[in-house]
Protein backbone atom coordinates (compact mmCIF):
# COMPACT_ATOMS: atom_id res chain seq x y z
CA MET A 1 -16.22 -43.36 30.66
CA LYS A 2 -20.19 -42.99 29.53
CA VAL A 3 -22.69 -42.31 32.14
CA ALA A 4 -26.23 -41.25 31.85
CA ILE A 5 -28.67 -39.89 34.46
CA SER A 6 -32.60 -39.71 33.67
CA GLY A 7 -35.26 -39.43 35.79
CA ARG A 8 -38.38 -37.50 36.27
CA ALA A 9 -39.23 -33.55 36.26
CA GLY A 10 -37.71 -31.98 39.87
CA SER A 11 -35.67 -35.02 40.50
CA GLY A 12 -32.53 -33.51 40.24
CA THR A 13 -31.43 -35.13 36.89
CA SER A 14 -29.79 -31.58 35.50
CA THR A 15 -28.50 -30.13 39.23
CA THR A 16 -26.64 -33.85 39.56
CA ALA A 17 -25.22 -34.26 36.22
CA GLU A 18 -23.31 -30.60 35.78
CA LYS A 19 -21.92 -31.67 39.21
CA VAL A 20 -21.00 -35.38 38.77
CA ALA A 21 -19.42 -33.96 35.31
CA LYS A 22 -17.66 -31.24 36.55
CA LYS A 23 -16.22 -33.23 39.69
CA LEU A 24 -14.83 -35.76 37.35
CA GLY A 25 -13.59 -33.85 34.54
CA MET A 26 -15.92 -34.59 32.07
CA GLU A 27 -18.28 -32.76 29.27
CA PHE A 28 -21.62 -32.60 30.25
CA ILE A 29 -24.61 -33.07 27.70
CA GLY A 30 -27.83 -32.00 28.99
CA ALA A 31 -30.97 -32.46 27.00
CA GLY A 32 -32.27 -29.32 27.61
CA ASP A 33 -28.94 -28.02 26.49
CA ILE A 34 -29.48 -29.65 23.17
CA PHE A 35 -33.29 -27.90 22.72
CA ARG A 36 -31.94 -24.51 23.44
CA ARG A 37 -29.75 -24.93 20.39
CA MET A 38 -32.55 -26.13 18.66
CA ALA A 39 -34.60 -23.37 19.73
CA LYS A 40 -31.76 -21.03 18.53
CA GLN A 41 -31.15 -22.77 15.04
CA LYS A 42 -35.02 -22.03 14.64
CA ASN A 43 -34.53 -18.54 15.84
CA MET A 44 -37.16 -19.04 18.85
CA SER A 45 -37.90 -18.34 22.22
CA LEU A 46 -36.93 -21.23 24.27
CA GLN A 47 -41.35 -20.50 25.04
CA GLU A 48 -41.93 -20.03 21.71
CA PHE A 49 -39.93 -23.48 20.88
CA GLY A 50 -41.38 -25.38 23.60
CA LYS A 51 -45.08 -24.83 21.76
CA TYR A 52 -43.64 -25.62 18.61
CA ALA A 53 -42.19 -28.80 19.69
CA GLU A 54 -45.71 -30.02 21.75
CA LYS A 55 -47.40 -29.54 18.26
CA ASN A 56 -43.83 -31.15 16.30
CA PRO A 57 -42.90 -34.59 17.65
CA GLU A 58 -40.29 -34.78 15.86
CA ILE A 59 -38.42 -32.31 17.71
CA ASP A 60 -38.36 -34.77 20.55
CA LYS A 61 -37.39 -38.02 18.39
CA GLU A 62 -34.15 -35.49 17.40
CA ILE A 63 -33.28 -34.48 20.41
CA ASP A 64 -33.28 -38.08 21.51
CA GLN A 65 -31.34 -38.98 18.42
CA LYS A 66 -28.70 -36.20 19.14
CA GLN A 67 -28.49 -37.38 22.40
CA ARG A 68 -27.30 -41.16 20.76
CA GLU A 69 -25.16 -39.43 18.26
CA ILE A 70 -23.33 -37.99 20.60
CA SER A 71 -22.94 -40.41 23.13
CA GLN A 72 -21.47 -42.63 20.38
CA LYS A 73 -19.17 -40.13 19.40
CA ARG A 74 -17.59 -39.47 22.48
CA GLU A 75 -15.50 -40.73 25.30
CA LYS A 76 -15.86 -38.91 29.07
CA ILE A 77 -19.18 -37.91 29.09
CA VAL A 78 -22.16 -37.06 31.45
CA ILE A 79 -25.77 -37.20 29.86
CA GLU A 80 -28.65 -36.03 31.40
CA GLY A 81 -32.35 -36.19 29.75
CA ARG A 82 -35.69 -38.13 30.74
CA LEU A 83 -34.52 -40.62 28.04
CA ALA A 84 -30.69 -40.77 28.50
CA GLY A 85 -30.66 -44.22 29.41
CA TRP A 86 -32.91 -45.54 27.35
CA MET A 87 -31.26 -43.77 24.36
CA ALA A 88 -27.51 -42.72 25.43
CA GLU A 89 -24.72 -46.05 24.72
CA ALA A 90 -23.58 -45.11 28.29
CA ASP A 91 -21.36 -47.41 31.05
CA ILE A 92 -23.46 -46.20 33.69
CA LYS A 93 -27.42 -45.90 33.54
CA ILE A 94 -28.45 -43.62 36.87
CA TRP A 95 -31.99 -42.93 37.82
CA LEU A 96 -32.62 -39.91 40.16
CA LYS A 97 -35.83 -40.61 41.66
CA ALA A 98 -38.26 -38.54 44.56
CA PRO A 99 -41.66 -38.99 45.49
CA LEU A 100 -44.04 -36.33 43.46
CA LYS A 101 -44.69 -34.00 46.23
CA LEU A 102 -41.02 -32.82 46.98
CA ARG A 103 -40.64 -33.01 42.87
CA ALA A 104 -43.38 -30.30 42.43
CA LYS A 105 -42.08 -28.38 45.33
CA ARG A 106 -38.49 -28.38 43.47
CA VAL A 107 -39.96 -27.35 39.80
CA ALA A 108 -42.28 -24.63 41.70
CA LYS A 109 -39.57 -23.13 43.28
CA ARG A 110 -36.87 -23.52 39.91
CA ASP A 111 -40.21 -22.00 38.18
CA GLN A 112 -41.08 -19.31 40.63
CA ILE A 113 -44.68 -21.25 40.51
CA THR A 114 -47.16 -21.90 43.00
CA HIS A 115 -46.55 -25.47 44.03
CA GLU A 116 -50.16 -26.42 43.14
CA LYS A 117 -49.42 -25.16 39.47
CA ALA A 118 -46.05 -27.04 39.34
CA LEU A 119 -48.05 -30.44 40.53
CA LYS A 120 -50.90 -29.77 37.81
CA ARG A 121 -47.83 -29.56 34.81
CA ILE A 122 -45.54 -32.12 36.19
CA GLN A 123 -48.98 -34.99 36.27
CA LYS A 124 -49.63 -33.29 32.60
CA ARG A 125 -46.57 -33.70 31.57
CA GLU A 126 -45.25 -36.92 32.45
CA LYS A 127 -48.90 -38.78 31.08
CA SER A 128 -47.71 -36.95 27.94
CA GLU A 129 -44.30 -38.59 27.93
CA LYS A 130 -45.70 -41.98 28.83
CA LYS A 131 -47.84 -41.98 26.09
CA ARG A 132 -45.06 -40.45 23.55
CA TYR A 133 -42.17 -42.58 24.82
CA LYS A 134 -44.66 -45.84 24.47
CA LYS A 135 -45.87 -44.56 20.75
CA PHE A 136 -42.22 -43.59 19.45
CA TYR A 137 -39.61 -45.63 21.33
CA ASP A 138 -41.84 -48.79 22.98
CA ILE A 139 -40.47 -47.42 25.88
CA ASN A 140 -42.17 -47.89 29.42
CA ILE A 141 -41.22 -44.95 31.37
CA TYR A 142 -41.98 -47.20 34.80
CA ASP A 143 -39.39 -50.36 33.61
CA LYS A 144 -36.07 -49.10 35.34
CA SER A 145 -34.09 -52.42 34.49
CA ILE A 146 -32.26 -50.62 32.82
CA TYR A 147 -30.46 -48.73 35.34
CA GLY A 148 -27.71 -49.92 37.57
CA LEU A 149 -27.85 -47.01 40.12
CA ILE A 150 -31.51 -45.86 41.68
CA ILE A 151 -31.10 -43.38 44.07
CA ASP A 152 -33.55 -41.46 46.07
CA THR A 153 -33.07 -37.66 45.75
CA SER A 154 -35.59 -37.45 48.58
CA LYS A 155 -32.96 -38.98 51.10
CA TRP A 156 -29.84 -37.81 50.31
CA ASN A 157 -28.92 -34.12 49.95
CA GLN A 158 -27.42 -32.60 46.63
CA ASN A 159 -23.92 -33.44 48.08
CA SER A 160 -24.16 -36.63 49.49
CA VAL A 161 -26.06 -38.02 45.73
CA VAL A 162 -22.99 -36.26 43.73
CA GLU A 163 -20.31 -38.43 45.73
CA ILE A 164 -22.58 -41.46 45.60
CA ILE A 165 -22.44 -41.34 41.75
CA GLU A 166 -19.00 -40.04 42.05
CA LYS A 167 -18.16 -43.39 43.94
CA SER A 168 -20.07 -46.31 41.79
CA ILE A 169 -18.13 -44.44 38.37
CA LYS A 170 -15.27 -45.02 40.18
CA ASN A 171 -15.68 -48.24 41.59
CA PHE A 172 -17.45 -49.39 38.14
CA SER A 173 -13.99 -48.00 36.48
CA ASN A 174 -11.31 -50.07 38.93
CA GLU A 175 -13.66 -52.88 38.10
CA THR A 176 -13.36 -52.77 34.19
């Protein structure tokens, strides 16, 4: 079983994907983990590597390619990332969504910054991602047609979101 979990910043993808993988005894691979490994390989801090990646679009492409390769080689895996649904070979593709203000609140708490700063950061990042993904892959990030399950994480607590996904995976496994 291969599961891809995607969503915008602050929608809960990383936490959810890790919990789902752990609960179902699956391997977890996050785009952030790949990013950290790449930074380490270049002997850079995450902040240094982040600035480097902004100026070097091949970093995004390499992360996306690594997700694609990992999903082809492994069987019981949960892959998380903004483009995991598009890049990974997955049996189930899941999109987590939440309103912008809530996502900004979550990011502000996680990164220990103001809500306003988080909101601006998210908006800037999403504008950049929309442009890059269209340019690199001809992907419209607003197209959710590839996802078999879309969950609004503002409507459910974290445990409920994990439970919905777990039940969906088990039902999918029973159907195939």
